[in-house]
Amino acid sequence: MEKNEHPAFRAEGLTKLYGSGESRVYALRGVDLEVPRGEMVVLLGPSGSGKSTLLNILGGLDSPTEGRVYFDSWELTAFDDEHLTRFRREYVGFVFQFYNLIPSLTARENVALVTEIAEEPMTPERALELVGLGKRMDHFPAQLSGGEQQRVAIARAIAKQPRVLFCDEPTGALDSKTGIVVLEAIARVNHELGTTAMVITHNAAIAAMADRVLHMADGQIQQTELNSHPCDPHELSW
């Protein structure tokens, strides 16, 4: 496949409906979207605006009620559970607000859990070096700060060399100084590996580091903002 022949993601008419009758709730209302490969995308919006639902559908963790999602040339919405599992395992890395590290394993061992099942992984050491934890590999989670634990989670997500990195409120539990270090790790992965990165946040200041900002409200993308000069994370403040 030629580079840039297809965008990383394309979505058409995505609707997600929970419940039925008078209790039904629309999490997404006819979302159309195109994300070029290699971009840093920030999704901004209040709680309940549909950010996490959209990311979960793009990442193969959930299915839309209506609409289609394409990853490169593949229609994800036509995949069965087996193919969706393979897609998530081989192409997508997930980072959440809570680190979900195994307390009895070192940073290196937490990352190695992923490299042992990936097709073409980088070494745990390389992944931890990328997020600035080369000297903390043999520490257990309890010996690491919150920001360091989140960077271990990022290293674990990128160790399988995914094409896409999804981050749902990765700085939500961190102070601004620590959060900026975590964002620097995400930006480095985006720049050095060419990984398409999509970051959910309610923090508008983070938008300045994005190539593309999606403003979400009421289950819709209300505005798409292109940033011709994204800033480095260390220039952010909030």
Protein backbone atom coordinates (compact mmCIF):
# COMPACT_ATOMS: atom_id res chain seq x y z
CA MET A 1 0.00 0.00 0.00
CA GLU A 2 1.38 3.39 -0.96
CA LYS A 3 1.93 5.84 1.84
CA ASN A 4 -1.04 8.19 2.34
CA GLU A 5 -3.20 6.22 -0.11
CA HIS A 6 -5.85 6.14 2.60
CA PRO A 7 -6.39 8.21 5.75
CA ALA A 8 -5.81 6.50 9.07
CA PHE A 9 -9.55 6.66 9.80
CA ARG A 10 -12.69 7.66 7.98
CA ALA A 11 -16.11 7.62 9.60
CA GLU A 12 -19.47 8.14 7.94
CA GLY A 13 -22.70 8.87 9.78
CA LEU A 14 -21.65 7.36 13.12
CA THR A 15 -24.56 7.13 15.52
CA LYS A 16 -24.50 5.42 18.90
CA LEU A 17 -27.76 4.92 20.77
CA TYR A 18 -28.08 3.50 24.27
CA GLY A 19 -31.37 2.31 25.71
CA SER A 20 -34.78 2.45 24.04
CA GLY A 21 -38.04 4.31 24.21
CA GLU A 22 -38.12 7.33 26.49
CA SER A 23 -34.87 6.28 28.18
CA ARG A 24 -32.79 6.22 25.01
CA VAL A 25 -29.69 8.37 24.89
CA TYR A 26 -27.66 9.37 21.83
CA ALA A 27 -23.92 9.22 22.56
CA LEU A 28 -23.11 10.06 18.93
CA ARG A 29 -25.35 11.75 16.38
CA GLY A 30 -24.23 11.22 12.79
CA VAL A 31 -20.50 11.90 13.08
CA ASP A 32 -18.45 12.24 9.89
CA LEU A 33 -14.69 12.24 10.30
CA GLU A 34 -11.41 11.86 8.45
CA VAL A 35 -8.05 11.57 10.21
CA PRO A 36 -4.89 11.66 8.04
CA ARG A 37 -2.10 9.30 8.95
CA GLY A 38 0.55 10.47 11.36
CA GLU A 39 -1.41 13.37 12.79
CA MET A 40 -1.70 14.40 16.42
CA VAL A 41 -5.43 14.88 17.03
CA VAL A 42 -6.98 16.29 20.20
CA LEU A 43 -10.66 15.73 20.99
CA LEU A 44 -12.02 18.49 23.20
CA GLY A 45 -15.38 18.67 24.90
CA PRO A 46 -17.28 18.35 28.16
CA SER A 47 -18.15 15.05 29.81
CA GLY A 48 -20.92 13.32 27.89
CA SER A 49 -20.07 14.96 24.57
CA GLY A 50 -19.23 11.63 22.90
CA LYS A 51 -15.42 11.77 22.92
CA SER A 52 -14.81 8.38 24.55
CA THR A 53 -17.59 6.71 22.57
CA LEU A 54 -16.06 7.93 19.32
CA LEU A 55 -12.58 6.72 20.29
CA ASN A 56 -13.93 3.35 21.46
CA ILE A 57 -15.65 2.83 18.11
CA LEU A 58 -12.59 3.86 16.09
CA GLY A 59 -10.47 1.54 18.25
CA GLY A 60 -12.73 -1.46 17.80
CA LEU A 61 -13.83 -1.56 21.45
CA ASP A 62 -17.44 -0.71 20.60
CA SER A 63 -19.73 -0.77 17.57
CA PRO A 64 -21.94 2.03 16.25
CA THR A 65 -25.70 1.72 16.08
CA GLU A 66 -25.49 3.17 12.56
CA GLY A 67 -22.70 4.32 10.26
CA ARG A 68 -19.39 3.01 8.97
CA VAL A 69 -15.77 3.20 10.08
CA TYR A 70 -12.78 2.60 7.83
CA PHE A 71 -9.18 2.04 8.92
CA ASP A 72 -6.94 2.44 5.88
CA SER A 73 -8.89 0.47 3.28
CA TRP A 74 -10.67 -1.84 5.74
CA GLU A 75 -14.23 -1.35 6.88
CA LEU A 76 -14.04 -2.02 10.62
CA THR A 77 -17.81 -1.99 10.94
CA ALA A 78 -17.93 -5.08 8.71
CA PHE A 79 -15.50 -7.04 10.92
CA ASP A 80 -16.58 -9.88 13.17
CA ASP A 81 -15.29 -10.16 16.76
CA GLU A 82 -12.26 -12.23 15.75
CA HIS A 83 -11.08 -9.69 13.19
CA LEU A 84 -11.75 -6.76 15.53
CA THR A 85 -9.63 -8.47 18.19
CA ARG A 86 -6.80 -8.91 15.70
CA PHE A 87 -7.13 -5.26 14.63
CA ARG A 88 -6.85 -4.05 18.24
CA ARG A 89 -3.96 -6.37 19.01
CA GLU A 90 -1.88 -5.55 15.94
CA TYR A 91 -2.66 -1.93 15.09
CA VAL A 92 -3.93 -0.03 18.14
CA GLY A 93 -2.38 1.07 21.42
CA PHE A 94 -4.61 2.33 24.25
CA VAL A 95 -3.70 4.61 27.16
CA PHE A 96 -6.30 5.49 29.79
CA GLN A 97 -6.49 7.89 32.73
CA PHE A 98 -5.69 5.06 35.14
CA TYR A 99 -2.50 3.19 34.47
CA ASN A 100 -3.63 -0.43 35.00
CA LEU A 101 -0.11 -1.65 35.72
CA ILE A 102 0.45 -4.97 37.47
CA PRO A 103 1.91 -4.07 40.89
CA SER A 104 4.05 -7.20 41.23
CA LEU A 105 5.86 -6.61 37.93
CA THR A 106 8.62 -4.09 37.19
CA ALA A 107 8.19 -1.44 34.51
CA ARG A 108 10.18 -3.62 32.11
CA GLU A 109 8.02 -6.66 32.91
CA ASN A 110 4.77 -4.72 32.51
CA VAL A 111 5.84 -3.67 29.03
CA ALA A 112 7.11 -7.18 28.18
CA LEU A 113 3.57 -8.54 28.64
CA VAL A 114 2.65 -6.83 25.38
CA THR A 115 5.85 -7.56 23.46
CA GLU A 116 5.42 -11.29 24.06
CA ILE A 117 2.15 -11.37 22.08
CA ALA A 118 2.87 -8.75 19.41
CA GLU A 119 3.83 -9.52 15.81
CA GLU A 120 6.82 -7.17 15.42
CA PRO A 121 7.43 -5.51 18.80
CA MET A 122 10.21 -3.22 19.84
CA THR A 123 12.06 -4.32 22.96
CA PRO A 124 10.66 -3.22 26.35
CA GLU A 125 13.92 -1.35 26.87
CA ARG A 126 13.47 0.64 23.64
CA ALA A 127 9.85 1.49 24.51
CA LEU A 128 10.81 2.71 27.98
CA GLU A 129 13.72 4.73 26.58
CA LEU A 130 11.29 6.44 24.18
CA VAL A 131 9.22 7.72 27.12
CA GLY A 132 12.27 8.77 29.13
CA LEU A 133 12.32 5.90 31.64
CA GLY A 134 15.53 4.17 30.64
CA LYS A 135 16.84 4.42 34.20
CA ARG A 136 13.63 3.27 35.89
CA MET A 137 13.04 -0.03 34.07
CA ASP A 138 13.50 -2.29 37.08
CA HIS A 139 11.33 -0.28 39.46
CA PHE A 140 7.93 -1.54 40.55
CA PRO A 141 4.84 0.68 40.10
CA ALA A 142 4.80 1.53 43.82
CA GLN A 143 8.32 2.96 43.42
CA LEU A 144 7.24 5.24 40.55
CA SER A 145 5.40 8.57 40.58
CA GLY A 146 2.01 8.93 38.91
CA GLY A 147 3.58 10.50 35.85
CA GLU A 148 6.16 7.74 35.60
CA GLN A 149 3.47 5.10 35.88
CA GLN A 150 1.53 6.78 33.07
CA ARG A 151 4.68 6.78 30.93
CA VAL A 152 5.08 3.05 31.60
CA ALA A 153 1.50 2.66 30.36
CA ILE A 154 2.42 4.59 27.20
CA ALA A 155 5.53 2.42 26.72
CA ARG A 156 3.36 -0.68 27.08
CA ALA A 157 0.92 0.66 24.49
CA ILE A 158 3.60 1.54 21.92
CA ALA A 159 5.86 -1.49 22.40
CA LYS A 160 3.91 -3.45 19.80
CA GLN A 161 4.55 -0.58 17.35
CA PRO A 162 0.89 0.22 16.73
CA ARG A 163 -0.21 2.38 13.83
CA VAL A 164 -2.56 4.30 16.13
CA LEU A 165 -2.28 5.45 19.75
CA PHE A 166 -5.53 6.33 21.55
CA CYS A 167 -5.20 8.26 24.82
CA ASP A 168 -8.31 8.88 26.93
CA GLU A 169 -7.62 11.66 29.47
CA PRO A 170 -3.95 10.61 29.87
CA THR A 171 -3.19 13.63 32.08
CA GLY A 172 -6.50 13.67 33.96
CA ALA A 173 -5.04 12.39 37.22
CA LEU A 174 -1.83 14.44 37.02
CA ASP A 175 -0.74 17.96 37.91
CA SER A 176 0.23 20.24 35.03
CA LYS A 177 4.00 19.80 35.33
CA THR A 178 3.74 16.00 35.36
CA GLY A 179 1.07 16.06 32.67
CA ILE A 180 3.34 17.97 30.32
CA VAL A 181 6.04 15.30 30.70
CA VAL A 182 3.44 12.67 29.75
CA LEU A 183 2.32 14.73 26.74
CA GLU A 184 5.96 15.06 25.67
CA ALA A 185 6.18 11.26 25.63
CA ILE A 186 3.04 11.02 23.45
CA ALA A 187 4.38 13.71 21.08
CA ARG A 188 7.70 11.91 20.80
CA VAL A 189 5.95 8.68 19.79
CA ASN A 190 3.91 10.61 17.23
CA HIS A 191 6.99 12.31 15.73
CA GLU A 192 9.60 9.55 15.90
CA LEU A 193 7.44 6.55 15.05
CA GLY A 194 4.92 8.30 12.81
CA THR A 195 2.11 6.93 14.96
CA THR A 196 -1.28 8.56 14.48
CA ALA A 197 -2.22 9.81 17.96
CA MET A 198 -5.69 10.76 19.19
CA VAL A 199 -5.91 12.34 22.65
CA ILE A 200 -9.14 12.95 24.57
CA THR A 201 -9.07 15.80 27.06
CA HIS A 202 -11.33 18.37 28.65
CA ASN A 203 -8.28 20.66 28.99
CA ALA A 204 -8.39 23.25 26.20
CA ALA A 205 -4.72 24.22 26.71
CA ILE A 206 -3.59 20.84 25.32
CA ALA A 207 -5.14 21.65 21.92
CA ALA A 208 -2.15 23.87 21.08
CA MET A 209 0.06 20.77 20.53
CA ALA A 210 -2.32 19.17 18.02
CA ASP A 211 -2.30 19.14 14.22
CA ARG A 212 -6.10 18.85 14.34
CA VAL A 213 -8.58 19.69 17.10
CA LEU A 214 -12.08 18.19 17.14
CA HIS A 215 -14.50 20.17 19.30
CA MET A 216 -17.30 17.85 20.44
CA ALA A 217 -20.64 18.57 22.07
CA ASP A 218 -23.94 16.69 22.23
CA GLY A 219 -22.59 13.68 20.32
CA GLN A 220 -21.39 15.71 17.35
CA ILE A 221 -18.19 17.29 16.07
CA GLN A 222 -19.19 20.94 16.26
CA GLN A 223 -15.94 22.31 14.83
CA THR A 224 -12.69 21.00 13.33
CA GLU A 225 -9.70 23.25 13.82
CA LEU A 226 -6.43 22.79 11.92
CA ASN A 227 -3.25 24.02 13.58
CA SER A 228 -0.47 24.89 11.14
CA HIS A 229 2.06 25.45 13.93
CA PRO A 230 1.57 22.95 16.78
CA CYS A 231 3.62 23.86 19.83
CA ASP A 232 5.89 21.61 21.84
CA PRO A 233 4.25 20.26 25.00
CA HIS A 234 6.80 22.02 27.23
CA GLU A 235 5.36 25.33 25.96
CA LEU A 236 1.92 24.47 27.36
CA SER A 237 0.60 25.77 30.65
CA TRP A 238 -2.70 25.36 32.48
